[in-house]
């Protein structure tokens, strides 16, 4: 019999995980375009909702926390402090929720054809990032035109670092919950709880100084709090936007970096890398039964 060379063929259903994203980048572009075009389909306001929702959220927090609870009197330029943190948490919440739902929402494709399943969460995360950009544009405009903020290499680096940290962290936990959500739909409820808590688990409506004072006798709790990648990203944004303005307008009211910020950042990076490894392992383990479970 004539031997058949099968070296140029792949075994169906066997991929290389996240590495396949680079191989199937054209499919990723199609999925990103699909999620972006369908998001506001049959909507009268369309992309305008990307501006309306964060604006209303900011106004509610500012009125309740800033005025009624008095944070506006304890933190100078509190509106800028608040908004520069809110945009980070909004990015996390939207990307996390979209990644968790990505496999279930694309059940028709998952059932019919094989393609790297990781493409769905990643496309959802990129789609969420595109809807984060209008909020970032508003923040930049407010800083430049209202407060005279001027970008620097440090501030640009902090912004890019904060965004990258959040997106990588969401990638890890998004892969994990996207896989779990296929078999156990309770995962969606868990994610909603996490998204609710996320706003209060980072220094947005308060400062890290307040957390340090409360946890003074429980140092491990403070270290755990500061190991949250979203918390580190929020502080990056504060020091990219709010702190430079404070340095000019109210230099004596600056809060500064938390102690041992380098250690906290390293811990947050460790948590992020661990989430990616664990998320990929769980995703690869459960993706074998995605079509049957859907």
C-alpha atoms as a PDB file:
ATOM      1  CA  UNK A   1       0.000   0.000   0.000  1.00  0.00           C
ATOM      2  CA  UNK A   2       1.073   3.575  -0.669  1.00  0.00           C
ATOM      3  CA  UNK A   3       1.887   5.469   2.502  1.00  0.00           C
ATOM      4  CA  UNK A   4      -0.020   8.716   2.940  1.00  0.00           C
ATOM      5  CA  UNK A   5       1.817  11.713   4.284  1.00  0.00           C
ATOM      6  CA  UNK A   6      -0.454  13.273   6.908  1.00  0.00           C
ATOM      7  CA  UNK A   7       2.060  15.770   8.257  1.00  0.00           C
ATOM      8  CA  UNK A   8       0.274  18.684   6.588  1.00  0.00           C
ATOM      9  CA  UNK A   9      -3.044  17.853   8.255  1.00  0.00           C
ATOM     10  CA  UNK A  10      -4.282  18.607  11.756  1.00  0.00           C
ATOM     11  CA  UNK A  11      -6.347  16.374  13.965  1.00  0.00           C
ATOM     12  CA  UNK A  12      -9.817  17.998  14.221  1.00  0.00           C
ATOM     13  CA  UNK A  13     -10.520  19.515  17.610  1.00  0.00           C
ATOM     14  CA  UNK A  14      -6.878  19.570  18.719  1.00  0.00           C
ATOM     15  CA  UNK A  15      -5.469  23.051  19.045  1.00  0.00           C
ATOM     16  CA  UNK A  16      -2.774  24.977  20.861  1.00  0.00           C
ATOM     17  CA  UNK A  17      -5.001  27.075  23.078  1.00  0.00           C
ATOM     18  CA  UNK A  18      -4.275  30.786  23.162  1.00  0.00           C
ATOM     19  CA  UNK A  19      -1.433  30.351  20.660  1.00  0.00           C
ATOM     20  CA  UNK A  20      -4.015  29.576  17.976  1.00  0.00           C
ATOM     21  CA  UNK A  21      -5.264  33.155  18.225  1.00  0.00           C
ATOM     22  CA  UNK A  22      -2.258  34.284  16.164  1.00  0.00           C
ATOM     23  CA  UNK A  23      -2.831  31.525  13.628  1.00  0.00           C
ATOM     24  CA  UNK A  24      -6.529  32.339  13.188  1.00  0.00           C
ATOM     25  CA  UNK A  25      -6.245  36.114  13.466  1.00  0.00           C
ATOM     26  CA  UNK A  26      -8.518  36.591  10.452  1.00  0.00           C
ATOM     27  CA  UNK A  27     -11.324  34.738  12.242  1.00  0.00           C
ATOM     28  CA  UNK A  28     -10.719  36.871  15.301  1.00  0.00           C
ATOM     29  CA  UNK A  29     -11.232  40.019  13.227  1.00  0.00           C
ATOM     30  CA  UNK A  30     -14.510  38.641  11.896  1.00  0.00           C
ATOM     31  CA  UNK A  31     -15.760  37.796  15.399  1.00  0.00           C
ATOM     32  CA  UNK A  32     -14.789  41.230  16.710  1.00  0.00           C
ATOM     33  CA  UNK A  33     -16.631  42.899  13.835  1.00  0.00           C
ATOM     34  CA  UNK A  34     -19.659  40.710  14.462  1.00  0.00           C
ATOM     35  CA  UNK A  35     -19.846  41.503  18.194  1.00  0.00           C
ATOM     36  CA  UNK A  36     -19.351  45.215  17.565  1.00  0.00           C
ATOM     37  CA  UNK A  37     -21.976  45.472  14.825  1.00  0.00           C
ATOM     38  CA  UNK A  38     -24.595  43.472  16.742  1.00  0.00           C
ATOM     39  CA  UNK A  39     -24.189  45.288  20.041  1.00  0.00           C
ATOM     40  CA  UNK A  40     -26.432  48.242  19.225  1.00  0.00           C
ATOM     41  CA  UNK A  41     -28.319  46.817  16.277  1.00  0.00           C
ATOM     42  CA  UNK A  42     -31.904  48.155  16.078  1.00  0.00           C
ATOM     43  CA  UNK A  43     -30.978  50.794  18.666  1.00  0.00           C
ATOM     44  CA  UNK A  44     -31.984  54.403  18.038  1.00  0.00           C
ATOM     45  CA  UNK A  45     -29.038  55.886  19.941  1.00  0.00           C
ATOM     46  CA  UNK A  46     -26.463  53.283  18.921  1.00  0.00           C
ATOM     47  CA  UNK A  47     -22.935  54.091  20.076  1.00  0.00           C
ATOM     48  CA  UNK A  48     -24.270  57.048  22.033  1.00  0.00           C
ATOM     49  CA  UNK A  49     -25.111  54.570  24.797  1.00  0.00           C
ATOM     50  CA  UNK A  50     -21.368  54.138  25.323  1.00  0.00           C
ATOM     51  CA  UNK A  51     -21.381  57.729  26.575  1.00  0.00           C
ATOM     52  CA  UNK A  52     -24.768  57.815  28.334  1.00  0.00           C
ATOM     53  CA  UNK A  53     -24.345  54.905  30.750  1.00  0.00           C
ATOM     54  CA  UNK A  54     -20.950  55.859  32.232  1.00  0.00           C
ATOM     55  CA  UNK A  55     -22.070  59.484  32.488  1.00  0.00           C
ATOM     56  CA  UNK A  56     -25.180  58.556  34.479  1.00  0.00           C
ATOM     57  CA  UNK A  57     -23.144  56.179  36.645  1.00  0.00           C
ATOM     58  CA  UNK A  58     -20.618  58.921  37.362  1.00  0.00           C
ATOM     59  CA  UNK A  59     -23.315  61.463  38.254  1.00  0.00           C
ATOM     60  CA  UNK A  60     -25.019  59.062  40.679  1.00  0.00           C
ATOM     61  CA  UNK A  61     -21.745  58.240  42.446  1.00  0.00           C
ATOM     62  CA  UNK A  62     -20.702  61.871  42.529  1.00  0.00           C
ATOM     63  CA  UNK A  63     -23.993  63.096  43.978  1.00  0.00           C
ATOM     64  CA  UNK A  64     -24.356  60.306  46.547  1.00  0.00           C
ATOM     65  CA  UNK A  65     -20.756  59.664  47.572  1.00  0.00           C
ATOM     66  CA  UNK A  66     -19.269  63.045  46.762  1.00  0.00           C
ATOM     67  CA  UNK A  67     -21.982  65.302  48.195  1.00  0.00           C
ATOM     68  CA  UNK A  68     -24.269  63.319  50.478  1.00  0.00           C
ATOM     69  CA  UNK A  69     -21.517  61.217  52.070  1.00  0.00           C
ATOM     70  CA  UNK A  70     -19.019  64.063  51.921  1.00  0.00           C
ATOM     71  CA  UNK A  71     -16.123  62.499  49.996  1.00  0.00           C
ATOM     72  CA  UNK A  72     -15.935  65.660  47.910  1.00  0.00           C
ATOM     73  CA  UNK A  73     -14.774  67.509  51.044  1.00  0.00           C
ATOM     74  CA  UNK A  74     -12.171  64.879  51.947  1.00  0.00           C
ATOM     75  CA  UNK A  75     -10.611  64.393  48.500  1.00  0.00           C
ATOM     76  CA  UNK A  76      -9.656  67.409  46.417  1.00  0.00           C
ATOM     77  CA  UNK A  77     -10.836  67.308  42.793  1.00  0.00           C
ATOM     78  CA  UNK A  78     -13.009  64.342  43.696  1.00  0.00           C
ATOM     79  CA  UNK A  79     -14.887  64.307  40.340  1.00  0.00           C
ATOM     80  CA  UNK A  80     -11.611  63.689  38.484  1.00  0.00           C
ATOM     81  CA  UNK A  81     -10.497  61.128  41.075  1.00  0.00           C
ATOM     82  CA  UNK A  82     -13.828  59.335  40.780  1.00  0.00           C
ATOM     83  CA  UNK A  83     -14.081  59.282  36.998  1.00  0.00           C
ATOM     84  CA  UNK A  84     -10.485  58.166  36.418  1.00  0.00           C
ATOM     85  CA  UNK A  85     -11.235  55.111  38.558  1.00  0.00           C
ATOM     86  CA  UNK A  86     -14.737  54.414  37.272  1.00  0.00           C
ATOM     87  CA  UNK A  87     -13.569  53.988  33.676  1.00  0.00           C
ATOM     88  CA  UNK A  88     -11.178  51.209  34.760  1.00  0.00           C
ATOM     89  CA  UNK A  89     -13.863  49.301  36.652  1.00  0.00           C
ATOM     90  CA  UNK A  90     -16.290  49.747  33.754  1.00  0.00           C
ATOM     91  CA  UNK A  91     -13.723  48.159  31.444  1.00  0.00           C
ATOM     92  CA  UNK A  92     -13.312  45.236  33.821  1.00  0.00           C
ATOM     93  CA  UNK A  93     -17.036  44.722  34.337  1.00  0.00           C
ATOM     94  CA  UNK A  94     -17.995  44.885  30.685  1.00  0.00           C
ATOM     95  CA  UNK A  95     -15.138  42.699  29.455  1.00  0.00           C
ATOM     96  CA  UNK A  96     -15.657  40.132  32.221  1.00  0.00           C
ATOM     97  CA  UNK A  97     -19.377  39.802  31.574  1.00  0.00           C
ATOM     98  CA  UNK A  98     -18.933  39.615  27.793  1.00  0.00           C
ATOM     99  CA  UNK A  99     -16.199  36.968  28.046  1.00  0.00           C
ATOM    100  CA  UNK A 100     -18.311  34.823  30.378  1.00  0.00           C
ATOM    101  CA  UNK A 101     -21.272  34.835  27.966  1.00  0.00           C
ATOM    102  CA  UNK A 102     -19.191  34.461  24.808  1.00  0.00           C
ATOM    103  CA  UNK A 103     -19.390  30.680  24.304  1.00  0.00           C
ATOM    104  CA  UNK A 104     -23.094  30.423  25.119  1.00  0.00           C
ATOM    105  CA  UNK A 105     -23.970  33.375  22.887  1.00  0.00           C
ATOM    106  CA  UNK A 106     -22.086  31.772  19.984  1.00  0.00           C
ATOM    107  CA  UNK A 107     -23.577  28.317  20.491  1.00  0.00           C
ATOM    108  CA  UNK A 108     -24.594  28.059  16.816  1.00  0.00           C
ATOM    109  CA  UNK A 109     -20.981  28.290  15.650  1.00  0.00           C
ATOM    110  CA  UNK A 110     -19.672  26.066  18.427  1.00  0.00           C
ATOM    111  CA  UNK A 111     -22.106  23.288  17.499  1.00  0.00           C
ATOM    112  CA  UNK A 112     -21.485  23.359  13.746  1.00  0.00           C
ATOM    113  CA  UNK A 113     -17.804  23.934  13.078  1.00  0.00           C
ATOM    114  CA  UNK A 114     -14.455  23.668  14.778  1.00  0.00           C
ATOM    115  CA  UNK A 115     -12.384  26.743  15.429  1.00  0.00           C
ATOM    116  CA  UNK A 116     -10.307  27.656  18.464  1.00  0.00           C
ATOM    117  CA  UNK A 117     -12.871  28.310  21.176  1.00  0.00           C
ATOM    118  CA  UNK A 118     -10.589  30.849  22.831  1.00  0.00           C
ATOM    119  CA  UNK A 119     -11.382  33.193  19.956  1.00  0.00           C
ATOM    120  CA  UNK A 120     -14.856  33.848  21.374  1.00  0.00           C
ATOM    121  CA  UNK A 121     -13.805  35.211  24.810  1.00  0.00           C
ATOM    122  CA  UNK A 122     -10.952  37.178  23.264  1.00  0.00           C
ATOM    123  CA  UNK A 123     -13.238  38.727  20.640  1.00  0.00           C
ATOM    124  CA  UNK A 124     -15.683  39.689  23.393  1.00  0.00           C
ATOM    125  CA  UNK A 125     -12.910  41.283  25.440  1.00  0.00           C
ATOM    126  CA  UNK A 126     -11.649  43.271  22.441  1.00  0.00           C
ATOM    127  CA  UNK A 127     -15.231  44.341  21.720  1.00  0.00           C
ATOM    128  CA  UNK A 128     -15.613  45.558  25.306  1.00  0.00           C
ATOM    129  CA  UNK A 129     -12.341  47.452  24.941  1.00  0.00           C
ATOM    130  CA  UNK A 130     -13.642  49.303  21.874  1.00  0.00           C
ATOM    131  CA  UNK A 131     -16.623  50.476  23.931  1.00  0.00           C
ATOM    132  CA  UNK A 132     -14.274  51.575  26.701  1.00  0.00           C
ATOM    133  CA  UNK A 133     -12.473  53.951  24.344  1.00  0.00           C
ATOM    134  CA  UNK A 134     -15.248  56.618  24.300  1.00  0.00           C
ATOM    135  CA  UNK A 135     -15.031  56.802  28.109  1.00  0.00           C
ATOM    136  CA  UNK A 136     -11.270  57.213  27.887  1.00  0.00           C
ATOM    137  CA  UNK A 137     -11.726  59.972  25.307  1.00  0.00           C
ATOM    138  CA  UNK A 138     -14.102  61.809  27.673  1.00  0.00           C
ATOM    139  CA  UNK A 139     -11.605  61.453  30.534  1.00  0.00           C
ATOM    140  CA  UNK A 140      -8.786  62.808  28.371  1.00  0.00           C
ATOM    141  CA  UNK A 141     -10.926  65.732  27.190  1.00  0.00           C
ATOM    142  CA  UNK A 142     -11.942  66.636  30.753  1.00  0.00           C
ATOM    143  CA  UNK A 143      -8.349  66.493  31.978  1.00  0.00           C
ATOM    144  CA  UNK A 144      -6.969  68.557  29.104  1.00  0.00           C
ATOM    145  CA  UNK A 145      -9.643  71.235  28.696  1.00  0.00           C
ATOM    146  CA  UNK A 146     -10.920  71.627  32.274  1.00  0.00           C
ATOM    147  CA  UNK A 147      -7.823  70.944  34.350  1.00  0.00           C
ATOM    148  CA  UNK A 148      -4.982  71.774  31.974  1.00  0.00           C
ATOM    149  CA  UNK A 149      -3.530  68.275  32.150  1.00  0.00           C
ATOM    150  CA  UNK A 150      -0.603  67.594  29.828  1.00  0.00           C
ATOM    151  CA  UNK A 151       0.365  64.030  28.933  1.00  0.00           C
ATOM    152  CA  UNK A 152       3.815  62.755  29.830  1.00  0.00           C
ATOM    153  CA  UNK A 153       5.688  59.540  29.130  1.00  0.00           C
ATOM    154  CA  UNK A 154       4.975  58.426  32.691  1.00  0.00           C
ATOM    155  CA  UNK A 155       1.239  59.081  32.458  1.00  0.00           C
ATOM    156  CA  UNK A 156       0.941  57.357  29.071  1.00  0.00           C
ATOM    157  CA  UNK A 157       2.881  54.372  30.413  1.00  0.00           C
ATOM    158  CA  UNK A 158       0.635  54.148  33.480  1.00  0.00           C
ATOM    159  CA  UNK A 159      -2.528  54.272  31.338  1.00  0.00           C
ATOM    160  CA  UNK A 160      -1.297  51.582  28.966  1.00  0.00           C
ATOM    161  CA  UNK A 161      -0.053  49.471  31.861  1.00  0.00           C
ATOM    162  CA  UNK A 162      -3.381  49.732  33.684  1.00  0.00           C
ATOM    163  CA  UNK A 163      -5.377  48.802  30.588  1.00  0.00           C
ATOM    164  CA  UNK A 164      -3.105  45.851  29.780  1.00  0.00           C
ATOM    165  CA  UNK A 165      -3.264  44.573  33.360  1.00  0.00           C
ATOM    166  CA  UNK A 166      -7.068  44.642  33.398  1.00  0.00           C
ATOM    167  CA  UNK A 167      -7.416  42.997  29.983  1.00  0.00           C
ATOM    168  CA  UNK A 168      -4.988  40.186  30.831  1.00  0.00           C
ATOM    169  CA  UNK A 169      -6.699  39.571  34.167  1.00  0.00           C
ATOM    170  CA  UNK A 170     -10.089  39.467  32.451  1.00  0.00           C
ATOM    171  CA  UNK A 171      -8.677  37.073  29.858  1.00  0.00           C
ATOM    172  CA  UNK A 172      -7.729  34.604  32.578  1.00  0.00           C
ATOM    173  CA  UNK A 173     -10.909  34.707  34.636  1.00  0.00           C
ATOM    174  CA  UNK A 174     -12.983  35.130  31.460  1.00  0.00           C
ATOM    175  CA  UNK A 175     -11.676  31.849  30.044  1.00  0.00           C
ATOM    176  CA  UNK A 176     -12.422  30.143  33.348  1.00  0.00           C
ATOM    177  CA  UNK A 177     -15.989  31.382  33.719  1.00  0.00           C
ATOM    178  CA  UNK A 178     -16.788  31.087  29.999  1.00  0.00           C
ATOM    179  CA  UNK A 179     -15.999  27.369  30.225  1.00  0.00           C
ATOM    180  CA  UNK A 180     -17.836  26.887  33.518  1.00  0.00           C
ATOM    181  CA  UNK A 181     -20.857  28.807  32.213  1.00  0.00           C
ATOM    182  CA  UNK A 182     -21.418  26.292  29.411  1.00  0.00           C
ATOM    183  CA  UNK A 183     -22.062  23.482  31.867  1.00  0.00           C
ATOM    184  CA  UNK A 184     -23.293  25.409  34.898  1.00  0.00           C
ATOM    185  CA  UNK A 185     -25.311  28.517  34.068  1.00  0.00           C
ATOM    186  CA  UNK A 186     -25.004  29.597  37.702  1.00  0.00           C
ATOM    187  CA  UNK A 187     -21.634  31.011  36.675  1.00  0.00           C
ATOM    188  CA  UNK A 188     -23.422  34.002  35.185  1.00  0.00           C
ATOM    189  CA  UNK A 189     -24.930  34.838  38.570  1.00  0.00           C
ATOM    190  CA  UNK A 190     -21.528  34.532  40.243  1.00  0.00           C
ATOM    191  CA  UNK A 191     -20.067  36.896  37.675  1.00  0.00           C
ATOM    192  CA  UNK A 192     -22.840  39.423  38.313  1.00  0.00           C
ATOM    193  CA  UNK A 193     -21.998  39.346  42.024  1.00  0.00           C
ATOM    194  CA  UNK A 194     -18.313  39.909  41.248  1.00  0.00           C
ATOM    195  CA  UNK A 195     -19.168  42.808  38.955  1.00  0.00           C
ATOM    196  CA  UNK A 196     -21.297  44.389  41.686  1.00  0.00           C
ATOM    197  CA  UNK A 197     -18.550  44.031  44.266  1.00  0.00           C
ATOM    198  CA  UNK A 198     -15.800  45.253  41.923  1.00  0.00           C
ATOM    199  CA  UNK A 199     -16.895  48.883  42.193  1.00  0.00           C
ATOM    200  CA  UNK A 200     -16.436  48.804  45.954  1.00  0.00           C
ATOM    201  CA  UNK A 201     -13.337  46.588  46.075  1.00  0.00           C
ATOM    202  CA  UNK A 202     -11.061  49.201  44.486  1.00  0.00           C
ATOM    203  CA  UNK A 203     -10.215  52.751  45.651  1.00  0.00           C
ATOM    204  CA  UNK A 204     -12.736  54.635  43.542  1.00  0.00           C
ATOM    205  CA  UNK A 205     -15.331  55.909  46.004  1.00  0.00           C
ATOM    206  CA  UNK A 206     -12.679  56.198  48.725  1.00  0.00           C
ATOM    207  CA  UNK A 207      -8.871  56.235  48.950  1.00  0.00           C
ATOM    208  CA  UNK A 208      -6.307  53.562  49.712  1.00  0.00           C
ATOM    209  CA  UNK A 209      -5.366  55.576  52.824  1.00  0.00           C
ATOM    210  CA  UNK A 210      -8.772  54.808  54.335  1.00  0.00           C
ATOM    211  CA  UNK A 211      -8.328  51.096  53.657  1.00  0.00           C
ATOM    212  CA  UNK A 212      -4.864  51.159  55.212  1.00  0.00           C
ATOM    213  CA  UNK A 213      -6.224  52.849  58.342  1.00  0.00           C
ATOM    214  CA  UNK A 214      -9.063  50.332  58.749  1.00  0.00           C
ATOM    215  CA  UNK A 215      -6.783  47.329  58.135  1.00  0.00           C
ATOM    216  CA  UNK A 216      -3.951  48.659  60.296  1.00  0.00           C
ATOM    217  CA  UNK A 217      -4.224  45.723  62.711  1.00  0.00           C
ATOM    218  CA  UNK A 218      -4.893  43.201  59.908  1.00  0.00           C
ATOM    219  CA  UNK A 219      -1.945  43.711  57.546  1.00  0.00           C
ATOM    220  CA  UNK A 220      -2.602  40.539  55.527  1.00  0.00           C
ATOM    221  CA  UNK A 221      -6.050  41.881  54.621  1.00  0.00           C
ATOM    222  CA  UNK A 222      -4.521  45.070  53.248  1.00  0.00           C
ATOM    223  CA  UNK A 223      -1.974  43.084  51.212  1.00  0.00           C
ATOM    224  CA  UNK A 224      -4.789  40.918  49.862  1.00  0.00           C
ATOM    225  CA  UNK A 225      -6.725  44.039  48.903  1.00  0.00           C
ATOM    226  CA  UNK A 226      -3.718  45.531  47.116  1.00  0.00           C
ATOM    227  CA  UNK A 227      -3.051  42.284  45.213  1.00  0.00           C
ATOM    228  CA  UNK A 228      -6.199  42.847  43.169  1.00  0.00           C
ATOM    229  CA  UNK A 229      -5.096  43.685  39.592  1.00  0.00           C
ATOM    230  CA  UNK A 230      -8.074  46.036  39.200  1.00  0.00           C
ATOM    231  CA  UNK A 231      -6.989  47.960  42.303  1.00  0.00           C
ATOM    232  CA  UNK A 232      -3.491  48.394  40.893  1.00  0.00           C
ATOM    233  CA  UNK A 233      -4.912  49.505  37.528  1.00  0.00           C
ATOM    234  CA  UNK A 234      -7.130  52.064  39.278  1.00  0.00           C
ATOM    235  CA  UNK A 235      -4.115  53.480  41.111  1.00  0.00           C
ATOM    236  CA  UNK A 236      -2.240  53.650  37.815  1.00  0.00           C
ATOM    237  CA  UNK A 237      -5.053  55.738  36.345  1.00  0.00           C
ATOM    238  CA  UNK A 238      -5.218  57.960  39.429  1.00  0.00           C
ATOM    239  CA  UNK A 239      -1.513  58.715  39.124  1.00  0.00           C
ATOM    240  CA  UNK A 240      -1.795  59.220  35.385  1.00  0.00           C
ATOM    241  CA  UNK A 241      -4.649  61.750  35.508  1.00  0.00           C
ATOM    242  CA  UNK A 242      -5.605  62.923  38.995  1.00  0.00           C
ATOM    243  CA  UNK A 243      -2.198  63.167  40.663  1.00  0.00           C
ATOM    244  CA  UNK A 244      -0.518  65.372  37.990  1.00  0.00           C
ATOM    245  CA  UNK A 245      -3.388  67.856  38.254  1.00  0.00           C
ATOM    246  CA  UNK A 246      -3.151  67.757  42.049  1.00  0.00           C
ATOM    247  CA  UNK A 247       0.591  68.419  41.839  1.00  0.00           C
ATOM    248  CA  UNK A 248      -0.199  71.784  40.240  1.00  0.00           C
ATOM    249  CA  UNK A 249      -3.495  72.768  41.897  1.00  0.00           C
ATOM    250  CA  UNK A 250      -3.179  71.262  45.414  1.00  0.00           C
ATOM    251  CA  UNK A 251       0.343  69.910  45.960  1.00  0.00           C
ATOM    252  CA  UNK A 252      -0.151  69.678  49.725  1.00  0.00           C
ATOM    253  CA  UNK A 253      -3.236  67.444  49.303  1.00  0.00           C
ATOM    254  CA  UNK A 254      -1.625  64.729  47.207  1.00  0.00           C
ATOM    255  CA  UNK A 255      -2.064  61.182  48.509  1.00  0.00           C
ATOM    256  CA  UNK A 256       0.907  59.586  46.791  1.00  0.00           C
ATOM    257  CA  UNK A 257       1.590  55.954  46.035  1.00  0.00           C
ATOM    258  CA  UNK A 258       0.670  53.283  48.578  1.00  0.00           C
ATOM    259  CA  UNK A 259       3.659  51.918  50.531  1.00  0.00           C
ATOM    260  CA  UNK A 260       5.435  49.004  48.848  1.00  0.00           C
ATOM    261  CA  UNK A 261       3.659  49.706  45.565  1.00  0.00           C
ATOM    262  CA  UNK A 262       6.275  47.735  43.662  1.00  0.00           C
ATOM    263  CA  UNK A 263       5.548  44.632  45.735  1.00  0.00           C
ATOM    264  CA  UNK A 264       1.783  45.079  45.296  1.00  0.00           C
ATOM    265  CA  UNK A 265       2.207  45.464  41.542  1.00  0.00           C
ATOM    266  CA  UNK A 266       4.318  42.309  41.387  1.00  0.00           C
ATOM    267  CA  UNK A 267       1.645  40.414  43.352  1.00  0.00           C
ATOM    268  CA  UNK A 268      -1.069  41.692  41.011  1.00  0.00           C
ATOM    269  CA  UNK A 269       0.979  40.548  38.014  1.00  0.00           C
ATOM    270  CA  UNK A 270       1.380  37.154  39.671  1.00  0.00           C
ATOM    271  CA  UNK A 271      -2.374  36.909  40.219  1.00  0.00           C
ATOM    272  CA  UNK A 272      -2.947  37.857  36.581  1.00  0.00           C
ATOM    273  CA  UNK A 273      -0.536  35.249  35.216  1.00  0.00           C
ATOM    274  CA  UNK A 274      -1.982  32.606  37.533  1.00  0.00           C
ATOM    275  CA  UNK A 275      -5.499  33.429  36.340  1.00  0.00           C
ATOM    276  CA  UNK A 276      -4.421  33.025  32.691  1.00  0.00           C
ATOM    277  CA  UNK A 277      -2.765  29.659  33.338  1.00  0.00           C
ATOM    278  CA  UNK A 278      -5.675  28.355  35.424  1.00  0.00           C
ATOM    279  CA  UNK A 279      -8.267  29.749  33.011  1.00  0.00           C
ATOM    280  CA  UNK A 280      -6.566  28.146  30.012  1.00  0.00           C
ATOM    281  CA  UNK A 281      -6.256  24.775  31.770  1.00  0.00           C
ATOM    282  CA  UNK A 282      -9.920  24.710  32.784  1.00  0.00           C
ATOM    283  CA  UNK A 283     -11.027  25.950  29.372  1.00  0.00           C
ATOM    284  CA  UNK A 284      -9.035  23.266  27.528  1.00  0.00           C
ATOM    285  CA  UNK A 285     -10.376  20.632  29.894  1.00  0.00           C
ATOM    286  CA  UNK A 286     -14.050  21.525  29.421  1.00  0.00           C
ATOM    287  CA  UNK A 287     -14.099  22.589  25.775  1.00  0.00           C
ATOM    288  CA  UNK A 288     -14.263  18.935  24.686  1.00  0.00           C
ATOM    289  CA  UNK A 289     -17.931  18.841  25.690  1.00  0.00           C
ATOM    290  CA  UNK A 290     -18.998  22.348  24.688  1.00  0.00           C
ATOM    291  CA  UNK A 291     -21.043  21.177  21.698  1.00  0.00           C
ATOM    292  CA  UNK A 292     -22.863  18.503  23.735  1.00  0.00           C
ATOM    293  CA  UNK A 293     -23.517  20.799  26.720  1.00  0.00           C
ATOM    294  CA  UNK A 294     -24.895  23.536  24.491  1.00  0.00           C
END
